[in-house]
Amino acid sequence: MRIIRSMMAAALCILAIEAPAAVLLETTSLVATTEEAQASLPAPLSFTVTQAGRYTITLRDLQTPENLSRLEAAVTRNLVRVAAVEVQAVTGGTPQPASVSFTAEAGEYQVHVVGTPATGEAGGAFGVVVAPTDGGAALLDAADVIAVESQPAADQAVLRQALSLPVAGRYSVALTDLSFAPTQTTLQALVLREVPTGVEPIVVDAGGFDAPVSGDYELIILAKATGGDLAGLYNVRVTGPQAQAIFQSVQPVGRTRAPSALTFPAVGQYTLSATDLRFPSALASFGAVIVQSGAAIGRVTDDLPKTVTAAAGTAQLFSIGVASAIDEVGAFAVAVKQGSTVIASSLRTVDNSDDPAKPSIYRFDAASVAAGVHSLNLEDLRFPAPLPLLKAAVIQNATVIHEQNAAGVANVTLAAGDGQVLVATRAPAASGNGLFSVRLLPPTGQAVVQGTQGVGGLFQSLPLTVATTGVYDIALTDLEFPSELQSAALAVTQGSTVIGQVLGDGVIPRQQLTAGTYALYFLGQPALGAGFGLYGLRVADAAPTPTVTLTATPTSVTSGQTTSLQWTATNATACTASGGWSGAKATNGTQTSDALTAAATFTITCTGAGGSATASASVSVTQPGSGGGGGGDGGGGAFGALFCVLLGIAVATRRAVRQQRA
């Protein structure tokens, strides 16, 4: 039975070592120095290797429309860069394709491509082929583009609308300025028609345009807000030769927000109001417009409510807010009521900072808040550096209930209903990025607001869902493409708590994760002059902890004798001896010690992916003639010999006396 149990234990050990760890998340991503460069990157390409062998990747500059000034690609698998290739840029000539071969095991692979368009160009095209080195069908044959997105100026908007015209004839294009102040939007229109030789422009005059034939056309409208708040609004309506409706839409321009829909239950008078929440300070300007059937039926540009006459049916609510030059952010509320009944309401945040990709004000909604004293916890997570500004406000019914100007905990009394938490912040100048958490706790029960938020444009966040509570390894890997990252950091959060972080290439080992939702925040900077970097994230079952046993037989020897050492390690890849022996050892084995002249302790430490384990065995040593090392002196040396002689004489004398008496 003991043998059977040992065999079962060995089998279980083998299964535990060879079974692959469950992977919750594994991804590789590119990071760029700027937001513009990040947006230009194409999505990664994928291919599957079914048979291990040698493969070749070939990268080509397709010279469309011009040569790329830079073109590189990397092949990755399991967070390892297995190949990299670069096309040498040339000026005024044809760049040669670049190829490199690599050894691949069966599995899934990705190709990441980075590049830079030529000066003055909006983009360029490339091609990638992956095929067996010795010939055969390609595993990947694809083309894509590296393109710099061209965005209109902050005060402009471009509408491109496909039109399907049923007949040839005269079409009317009516453009109506609906801005917050009259004549604040300038409008220009153009119609394009595809012809066999390309695209034919059709002039749009004061009345419209002439369509020579029926078919598909494209309407282009360039709108520019000319007012001081850089906000505009207009209606466009296209009708056919028989006055049939072709297209109608109301379009925001510049800082005008996208509309929210509302429905008026009946014809009648309603109240439109806008309220500056003055968080973190007063807005420079704000307002709202209701548009129904393509016409503005009511406007408000201050804190004074306005009466609006509306027909029954749907409408659109547009708004505009401009923050002060000091804070660059703010918030205001808009409401439409009939008497005391709220028809529509919304809370709008305003961010006029230079880079809209890096907002500095954030909104968190709290639905069905219970009446009572709540606890607001605002915390600067100081990752990777402290935030220079962190403020919060709790809003209910378009009113600031509580405001605090720094991180901390505060009690807030709220009424039953919905609410919002606003957080205004600013990224640190040194790192350009920060991280904060916010939590709103009711008197009992779970938080009504709970979350973490990265501040700054270079944060990349990924959601992570853990289905089973367990111990996991969370790895951040720098794949060193096209070169090593200048800096890299990863923070793992659950709700409003940072539960682990790693700086640089490394692992958060054996992290306990309960079932639930987490967020991974990566922050990295490419090396100076590199422009790009490549990193990998992996969350998987933690590697099992190594174990090791060590026995010495016998554990007590006479001086000059040896002992036999036997050890066995599991989940380990290397072992090192110390104490009474030394050197690298196999993960299991037997060894005879050197001759021992004094007590010794033998120690072995074994390491593996899951950590390390240590075991020791001690051996005692007795000197020759010591009688086995019992508890007494036991004699020894000259005194021991003399003692034995005297004892022998005493015994002989005692026997002689007994014989005489007899």
Foldseek 3Di string as FASTA:
>chain_A
DVVVVVVVVVVVQVCQQPDDFFFQDKDKDKFFFDPQQRVLWDDKDKFWDAAWDKKKKKKAFPQVPHGFCWKKKFKDDPFATFDIWTFHDDPPDGTDIIMDMGTDHGDMMIMTMHTGHDPPDQKGKMWMWMDHPVDDDTRDTDMDMRGGDDDDDLLKDKDKDKFFFPWWFFKFKDKFWQFLDPPQKDKAKWKWDADPVGIDIFHQDPGGTTGHTTGMMMMMMMMGGRDPQSKTKMKIWMADPVRHGTDIDIDIGRQKDDWDKFFDQAWDKKKKFKFFQQVVHGFPWKKKFKADPRHTQDIDIDGDIDIGTDGGTMIIMMMGTAHDPPQQKGKMKIFMGDVPRTRDIDIDIGHRDPDPLFGFKDKWKFFFDAFDKKKKFKFWPQVPHGFPWKKKFKDDPRYTQDIDTDGDMDITGDHTGMIMMMMGTAADPPQQKTKMWIWIGGPDDGTRTWAMDMGGNRKDKDKGFDAAWFWKKKFKAWNQVVHGWPWKKKFKADTGDTQDMDTPGDIPARRTDHGDMMMIIMGTHHDVPRRMTMMMIIITHGQDEKEKEKEWPPQEEAQQDKIKIWMAMGQFQWKFKDKQDTDTDGNTDMDIGGGHRAKTKIKMKTAHRNGIYMYIGIHGYHYPQCVRPDPDRNDDDPVNVVVVVVVVVVVVVVVVVVVVVD
